């Protein structure tokens, strides 16, 4: 199976979430998702200062195979988008958990993070899809 870091939270739609402990989180797509998409050629990053609801589509990743919406795992304000992806969208393929992050979010309810999947539950979710 793909890399699933234990220190992150996950969604069934294959986003990962890193809690920084300061009221902000970083969001990207999982290693499994980038493998399924193939070579990523374009990323439409979200605008900063945008308010989003949980499960709202707020970015798009396009690969040679398909385009896929990226959903905000939590309600809140997007405080930063990864501008590197404008020129280097394949950073998601090369480093999905580091350089390939998509946006940073200030959640309205940081406690909602605990309702997301841990690494074991995410692995099980992926296995259940196949």
N, C-alpha and C. Protein backbone atom coordinates (compact mmCIF):
# COMPACT_ATOMS: atom_id res chain seq x y z
N UNK A 1 0.84 -1.19 0.00
CA UNK A 1 0.00 0.00 0.00
C UNK A 1 0.87 1.24 0.00
N UNK A 2 0.31 2.31 -0.44
CA UNK A 2 0.98 3.61 -0.49
C UNK A 2 1.39 4.07 0.90
N UNK A 3 2.22 5.07 0.94
CA UNK A 3 2.68 5.67 2.19
C UNK A 3 1.51 6.36 2.90
N UNK A 4 1.30 6.03 4.18
CA UNK A 4 0.23 6.62 4.99
C UNK A 4 0.84 7.03 6.34
N UNK A 5 1.40 8.25 6.44
CA UNK A 5 2.02 8.68 7.69
C UNK A 5 1.04 8.64 8.87
N UNK A 6 1.51 8.11 9.98
CA UNK A 6 0.67 7.93 11.17
C UNK A 6 0.32 9.24 11.86
N UNK A 7 1.08 10.31 11.63
CA UNK A 7 0.86 11.57 12.34
C UNK A 7 -0.16 12.49 11.66
N UNK A 8 -0.77 12.01 10.57
CA UNK A 8 -1.74 12.83 9.84
C UNK A 8 -3.14 12.28 10.04
N UNK A 9 -4.14 13.08 9.66
CA UNK A 9 -5.54 12.65 9.59
C UNK A 9 -5.90 12.58 8.12
N UNK A 10 -7.00 11.88 7.81
CA UNK A 10 -7.35 11.61 6.42
C UNK A 10 -8.85 11.70 6.21
N UNK A 11 -9.24 11.83 4.93
CA UNK A 11 -10.65 11.79 4.56
C UNK A 11 -10.86 10.61 3.61
N UNK A 12 -12.10 10.20 3.46
CA UNK A 12 -12.41 9.12 2.51
C UNK A 12 -12.23 9.57 1.07
N UNK A 13 -12.15 10.91 0.85
CA UNK A 13 -11.91 11.42 -0.50
C UNK A 13 -10.42 11.66 -0.75
N UNK A 14 -9.57 11.11 0.12
CA UNK A 14 -8.12 11.03 -0.07
C UNK A 14 -7.35 12.34 0.16
N UNK A 15 -7.89 13.21 1.00
CA UNK A 15 -7.10 14.36 1.46
C UNK A 15 -6.41 13.98 2.76
N UNK A 16 -5.22 14.52 2.98
CA UNK A 16 -4.55 14.38 4.27
C UNK A 16 -4.55 15.73 4.97
N UNK A 17 -4.47 15.70 6.29
CA UNK A 17 -4.54 16.91 7.10
C UNK A 17 -3.47 16.83 8.18
N UNK A 18 -2.63 17.85 8.25
CA UNK A 18 -1.60 17.93 9.29
C UNK A 18 -1.98 19.05 10.24
N UNK A 19 -2.12 18.71 11.50
CA UNK A 19 -2.43 19.69 12.55
C UNK A 19 -1.12 20.31 13.03
N UNK A 20 -1.02 21.63 12.96
CA UNK A 20 0.20 22.31 13.41
C UNK A 20 0.15 22.67 14.89
N UNK A 21 -0.99 22.45 15.54
CA UNK A 21 -1.10 22.73 16.97
C UNK A 21 -1.24 24.20 17.30
N UNK A 22 -1.38 25.04 16.29
CA UNK A 22 -1.50 26.49 16.51
C UNK A 22 -2.82 27.04 15.95
N UNK A 23 -3.78 26.14 15.73
CA UNK A 23 -5.05 26.57 15.15
C UNK A 23 -5.05 26.56 13.64
N UNK A 24 -4.01 25.99 13.01
CA UNK A 24 -3.97 25.87 11.56
C UNK A 24 -3.66 24.42 11.18
N UNK A 25 -4.09 24.07 9.98
CA UNK A 25 -3.78 22.75 9.42
C UNK A 25 -3.32 22.93 7.98
N UNK A 26 -2.58 21.95 7.49
CA UNK A 26 -2.18 21.89 6.10
C UNK A 26 -2.92 20.73 5.46
N UNK A 27 -3.33 20.92 4.19
CA UNK A 27 -4.12 19.91 3.48
C UNK A 27 -3.44 19.59 2.14
N UNK A 28 -3.45 18.33 1.80
CA UNK A 28 -2.95 17.88 0.51
C UNK A 28 -3.68 16.61 0.12
N UNK A 29 -3.21 15.96 -0.96
CA UNK A 29 -3.80 14.67 -1.32
C UNK A 29 -2.81 13.57 -0.98
N UNK A 30 -3.35 12.41 -0.70
CA UNK A 30 -2.53 11.30 -0.24
C UNK A 30 -1.67 10.71 -1.35
N UNK A 31 -0.70 9.94 -0.94
CA UNK A 31 0.15 9.22 -1.87
C UNK A 31 -0.71 8.30 -2.74
N UNK A 32 -1.68 7.65 -2.14
CA UNK A 32 -2.59 6.79 -2.89
C UNK A 32 -3.32 7.58 -3.99
N UNK A 33 -3.81 8.76 -3.65
CA UNK A 33 -4.54 9.59 -4.62
C UNK A 33 -3.64 10.03 -5.77
N UNK A 34 -2.43 10.47 -5.46
CA UNK A 34 -1.56 10.93 -6.54
C UNK A 34 -1.14 9.77 -7.43
N UNK A 35 -0.98 8.56 -6.85
CA UNK A 35 -0.66 7.39 -7.67
C UNK A 35 -1.82 7.07 -8.60
N UNK A 36 -3.05 7.14 -8.09
CA UNK A 36 -4.23 6.83 -8.90
C UNK A 36 -4.41 7.85 -10.03
N UNK A 37 -4.09 9.11 -9.75
CA UNK A 37 -4.24 10.15 -10.77
C UNK A 37 -3.18 10.06 -11.87
N UNK A 38 -2.00 9.64 -11.52
CA UNK A 38 -0.90 9.62 -12.48
C UNK A 38 -0.20 10.96 -12.51
N UNK A 39 0.48 11.25 -13.60
CA UNK A 39 1.27 12.48 -13.71
C UNK A 39 0.39 13.71 -13.63
N UNK A 40 0.60 14.53 -12.61
CA UNK A 40 -0.19 15.74 -12.40
C UNK A 40 0.41 16.86 -13.24
N UNK A 41 -0.46 17.51 -14.03
CA UNK A 41 0.01 18.52 -14.97
C UNK A 41 -0.51 19.93 -14.65
N UNK A 42 -1.51 20.03 -13.78
CA UNK A 42 -2.06 21.35 -13.45
C UNK A 42 -2.77 21.27 -12.10
N UNK A 43 -2.62 22.33 -11.30
CA UNK A 43 -3.35 22.43 -10.03
C UNK A 43 -3.99 23.81 -9.97
N UNK A 44 -5.29 23.83 -9.77
CA UNK A 44 -6.00 25.08 -9.53
C UNK A 44 -6.06 25.25 -8.02
N UNK A 45 -5.20 26.12 -7.49
CA UNK A 45 -5.14 26.31 -6.04
C UNK A 45 -6.24 27.28 -5.60
N UNK A 46 -6.68 27.16 -4.37
CA UNK A 46 -7.74 28.05 -3.89
C UNK A 46 -7.21 29.43 -3.55
N UNK A 47 -8.10 30.39 -3.51
CA UNK A 47 -7.73 31.76 -3.12
C UNK A 47 -7.59 31.85 -1.61
N UNK A 48 -6.61 32.60 -1.16
CA UNK A 48 -6.45 32.87 0.27
C UNK A 48 -7.61 33.72 0.77
N UNK A 49 -7.87 33.63 2.04
CA UNK A 49 -8.95 34.36 2.72
C UNK A 49 -10.34 33.88 2.32
N UNK A 50 -10.42 32.77 1.64
CA UNK A 50 -11.71 32.20 1.23
C UNK A 50 -12.29 31.37 2.38
N UNK A 51 -13.54 31.57 2.66
CA UNK A 51 -14.26 30.77 3.65
C UNK A 51 -14.80 29.52 2.96
N UNK A 52 -14.59 28.35 3.57
CA UNK A 52 -15.07 27.11 2.98
C UNK A 52 -15.82 26.30 4.04
N UNK A 53 -16.74 25.49 3.58
CA UNK A 53 -17.43 24.54 4.44
C UNK A 53 -16.73 23.20 4.35
N UNK A 54 -16.95 22.35 5.33
CA UNK A 54 -16.41 21.00 5.28
C UNK A 54 -16.99 20.28 4.06
N UNK A 55 -16.15 19.54 3.37
CA UNK A 55 -16.49 18.79 2.16
C UNK A 55 -16.82 19.68 0.95
N UNK A 56 -16.46 20.96 1.02
CA UNK A 56 -16.66 21.85 -0.13
C UNK A 56 -15.47 21.71 -1.08
N UNK A 57 -15.76 21.57 -2.37
CA UNK A 57 -14.70 21.54 -3.37
C UNK A 57 -14.04 22.92 -3.41
N UNK A 58 -12.71 22.95 -3.29
CA UNK A 58 -12.04 24.25 -3.24
C UNK A 58 -10.77 24.31 -4.07
N UNK A 59 -10.39 23.21 -4.70
CA UNK A 59 -9.21 23.16 -5.57
C UNK A 59 -9.44 22.05 -6.58
N UNK A 60 -8.63 22.05 -7.64
CA UNK A 60 -8.72 21.02 -8.67
C UNK A 60 -7.31 20.57 -9.02
N UNK A 61 -7.15 19.26 -9.13
CA UNK A 61 -5.89 18.68 -9.57
C UNK A 61 -6.18 17.97 -10.89
N UNK A 62 -5.39 18.31 -11.93
CA UNK A 62 -5.56 17.67 -13.23
C UNK A 62 -4.32 16.85 -13.55
N UNK A 63 -4.58 15.64 -14.03
CA UNK A 63 -3.49 14.76 -14.43
C UNK A 63 -3.68 14.37 -15.89
N UNK A 64 -2.77 13.56 -16.39
CA UNK A 64 -2.92 13.08 -17.76
C UNK A 64 -4.13 12.16 -17.87
N UNK A 65 -4.62 11.63 -16.75
CA UNK A 65 -5.76 10.71 -16.76
C UNK A 65 -7.10 11.40 -16.51
N UNK A 66 -7.13 12.37 -15.58
CA UNK A 66 -8.42 12.93 -15.13
C UNK A 66 -8.23 14.23 -14.38
N UNK A 67 -9.34 14.90 -14.14
CA UNK A 67 -9.36 16.06 -13.24
C UNK A 67 -10.11 15.62 -11.98
N UNK A 68 -9.65 16.10 -10.84
CA UNK A 68 -10.26 15.69 -9.58
C UNK A 68 -10.40 16.89 -8.65
N UNK A 69 -11.61 17.04 -8.10
CA UNK A 69 -11.82 18.09 -7.10
C UNK A 69 -11.11 17.73 -5.81
N UNK A 70 -10.62 18.75 -5.12
CA UNK A 70 -10.04 18.60 -3.80
C UNK A 70 -10.99 19.27 -2.83
N UNK A 71 -11.34 18.57 -1.77
CA UNK A 71 -12.35 19.04 -0.83
C UNK A 71 -11.70 19.50 0.47
N UNK A 72 -12.26 20.55 1.04
CA UNK A 72 -11.79 20.98 2.34
C UNK A 72 -12.30 19.98 3.38
N UNK A 73 -11.41 19.42 4.18
CA UNK A 73 -11.85 18.44 5.17
C UNK A 73 -12.58 19.06 6.35
N UNK A 74 -12.38 20.36 6.54
CA UNK A 74 -12.97 21.07 7.68
C UNK A 74 -13.49 22.42 7.22
N UNK A 75 -14.47 22.95 7.92
CA UNK A 75 -14.93 24.32 7.66
C UNK A 75 -13.91 25.30 8.22
N UNK A 76 -13.71 26.40 7.51
CA UNK A 76 -12.78 27.41 8.00
C UNK A 76 -12.36 28.37 6.91
N UNK A 77 -11.23 29.03 7.15
CA UNK A 77 -10.70 30.02 6.21
C UNK A 77 -9.38 29.53 5.63
N UNK A 78 -9.30 29.55 4.30
CA UNK A 78 -8.04 29.21 3.65
C UNK A 78 -7.10 30.39 3.87
N UNK A 79 -5.98 30.12 4.51
CA UNK A 79 -5.05 31.21 4.84
C UNK A 79 -3.85 31.27 3.91
N UNK A 80 -3.62 30.19 3.16
CA UNK A 80 -2.51 30.17 2.22
C UNK A 80 -2.69 29.03 1.25
N UNK A 81 -2.29 29.25 0.01
CA UNK A 81 -2.26 28.18 -0.99
C UNK A 81 -0.81 28.00 -1.43
N UNK A 82 -0.48 26.81 -1.85
CA UNK A 82 0.90 26.50 -2.24
C UNK A 82 1.17 27.00 -3.66
N UNK A 83 1.73 28.20 -3.76
CA UNK A 83 2.01 28.83 -5.06
C UNK A 83 3.03 28.03 -5.88
N UNK A 84 3.85 27.22 -5.24
CA UNK A 84 4.81 26.37 -5.95
C UNK A 84 4.09 25.50 -6.99
N UNK A 85 2.86 25.10 -6.69
CA UNK A 85 2.13 24.22 -7.58
C UNK A 85 1.73 24.88 -8.89
N UNK A 86 1.72 26.22 -8.94
CA UNK A 86 1.43 26.92 -10.21
C UNK A 86 2.45 26.56 -11.28
N UNK A 87 3.72 26.49 -10.89
CA UNK A 87 4.80 26.21 -11.84
C UNK A 87 5.28 24.77 -11.78
N UNK A 88 5.03 24.10 -10.66
CA UNK A 88 5.55 22.75 -10.46
C UNK A 88 4.45 21.84 -9.92
N UNK A 89 3.40 21.59 -10.71
CA UNK A 89 2.30 20.77 -10.21
C UNK A 89 2.72 19.34 -9.86
N UNK A 90 3.80 18.85 -10.50
CA UNK A 90 4.24 17.50 -10.21
C UNK A 90 4.91 17.36 -8.83
N UNK A 91 5.01 18.47 -8.09
CA UNK A 91 5.48 18.37 -6.71
C UNK A 91 4.56 17.45 -5.91
N UNK A 92 3.29 17.38 -6.31
CA UNK A 92 2.36 16.48 -5.63
C UNK A 92 2.76 15.03 -5.88
N UNK A 93 3.18 14.70 -7.10
CA UNK A 93 3.64 13.34 -7.39
C UNK A 93 4.93 13.02 -6.67
N UNK A 94 5.84 13.98 -6.65
CA UNK A 94 7.17 13.76 -6.09
C UNK A 94 7.21 13.81 -4.57
N UNK A 95 6.33 14.59 -3.96
CA UNK A 95 6.39 14.81 -2.51
C UNK A 95 5.01 15.17 -1.98
N UNK A 96 4.05 14.22 -2.00
CA UNK A 96 2.67 14.57 -1.66
C UNK A 96 2.49 15.08 -0.22
N UNK A 97 3.37 14.67 0.70
CA UNK A 97 3.20 15.06 2.10
C UNK A 97 4.10 16.22 2.52
N UNK A 98 4.95 16.69 1.62
CA UNK A 98 5.85 17.79 1.97
C UNK A 98 5.66 18.95 1.00
N UNK A 99 6.47 19.02 -0.04
CA UNK A 99 6.38 20.13 -0.99
C UNK A 99 5.06 20.17 -1.74
N UNK A 100 4.35 19.05 -1.84
CA UNK A 100 3.12 18.97 -2.61
C UNK A 100 1.85 19.30 -1.86
N UNK A 101 1.96 19.94 -0.71
CA UNK A 101 0.74 20.36 0.02
C UNK A 101 -0.04 21.34 -0.86
N UNK A 102 -1.36 21.43 -0.62
CA UNK A 102 -2.19 22.27 -1.49
C UNK A 102 -2.61 23.57 -0.82
N UNK A 103 -3.12 23.50 0.42
CA UNK A 103 -3.50 24.74 1.11
C UNK A 103 -3.42 24.59 2.62
N UNK A 104 -3.38 25.76 3.27
CA UNK A 104 -3.42 25.82 4.73
C UNK A 104 -4.75 26.44 5.13
N UNK A 105 -5.27 25.95 6.24
CA UNK A 105 -6.61 26.30 6.67
C UNK A 105 -6.62 26.63 8.15
N UNK A 106 -7.40 27.64 8.53
CA UNK A 106 -7.69 27.93 9.94
C UNK A 106 -9.10 27.40 10.19
N UNK A 107 -9.23 26.22 10.79
CA UNK A 107 -10.56 25.63 10.99
C UNK A 107 -11.41 26.45 11.95
N UNK A 108 -12.71 26.49 11.66
CA UNK A 108 -13.65 27.13 12.59
C UNK A 108 -13.74 26.36 13.89
N UNK A 109 -13.68 25.04 13.80
CA UNK A 109 -13.74 24.17 14.97
C UNK A 109 -12.57 23.20 14.92
N UNK A 110 -11.43 23.57 15.52
CA UNK A 110 -10.27 22.68 15.49
C UNK A 110 -10.55 21.29 16.06
N UNK A 111 -11.53 21.19 16.94
CA UNK A 111 -11.89 19.90 17.52
C UNK A 111 -12.47 18.93 16.50
N UNK A 112 -12.97 19.45 15.37
CA UNK A 112 -13.54 18.60 14.33
C UNK A 112 -12.49 17.69 13.70
N UNK A 113 -11.23 18.03 13.88
CA UNK A 113 -10.14 17.23 13.34
C UNK A 113 -10.19 15.79 13.86
N UNK A 114 -10.62 15.62 15.09
CA UNK A 114 -10.65 14.28 15.68
C UNK A 114 -11.67 13.37 15.02
N UNK A 115 -12.64 13.93 14.29
CA UNK A 115 -13.64 13.12 13.61
C UNK A 115 -13.11 12.54 12.29
N UNK A 116 -11.96 13.02 11.83
CA UNK A 116 -11.39 12.52 10.58
C UNK A 116 -10.69 11.19 10.82
N UNK A 117 -10.38 10.50 9.75
CA UNK A 117 -9.77 9.17 9.83
C UNK A 117 -8.33 9.23 10.31
N UNK A 118 -7.94 8.28 11.17
CA UNK A 118 -6.52 8.13 11.48
C UNK A 118 -5.91 7.24 10.39
N UNK A 119 -4.61 6.99 10.48
CA UNK A 119 -3.92 6.24 9.42
C UNK A 119 -4.50 4.85 9.23
N UNK A 120 -4.78 4.14 10.30
CA UNK A 120 -5.33 2.78 10.18
C UNK A 120 -6.71 2.79 9.53
N UNK A 121 -7.56 3.72 9.93
CA UNK A 121 -8.90 3.80 9.35
C UNK A 121 -8.83 4.19 7.87
N UNK A 122 -7.88 5.06 7.52
CA UNK A 122 -7.73 5.43 6.11
C UNK A 122 -7.27 4.22 5.29
N UNK A 123 -6.29 3.48 5.79
CA UNK A 123 -5.83 2.28 5.09
C UNK A 123 -7.01 1.33 4.84
N UNK A 124 -7.84 1.15 5.86
CA UNK A 124 -8.99 0.27 5.74
C UNK A 124 -9.98 0.80 4.69
N UNK A 125 -10.18 2.11 4.68
CA UNK A 125 -11.06 2.74 3.70
C UNK A 125 -10.57 2.48 2.27
N UNK A 126 -9.27 2.59 2.06
CA UNK A 126 -8.69 2.34 0.73
C UNK A 126 -8.87 0.88 0.36
N UNK A 127 -8.62 -0.01 1.30
CA UNK A 127 -8.79 -1.45 1.02
C UNK A 127 -10.24 -1.77 0.69
N UNK A 128 -11.17 -1.11 1.37
CA UNK A 128 -12.59 -1.36 1.12
C UNK A 128 -13.02 -0.90 -0.27
N UNK A 129 -12.30 0.07 -0.85
CA UNK A 129 -12.62 0.57 -2.19
C UNK A 129 -12.28 -0.45 -3.27
N UNK A 130 -11.31 -1.29 -2.99
CA UNK A 130 -10.84 -2.22 -4.03
C UNK A 130 -11.53 -3.56 -3.97
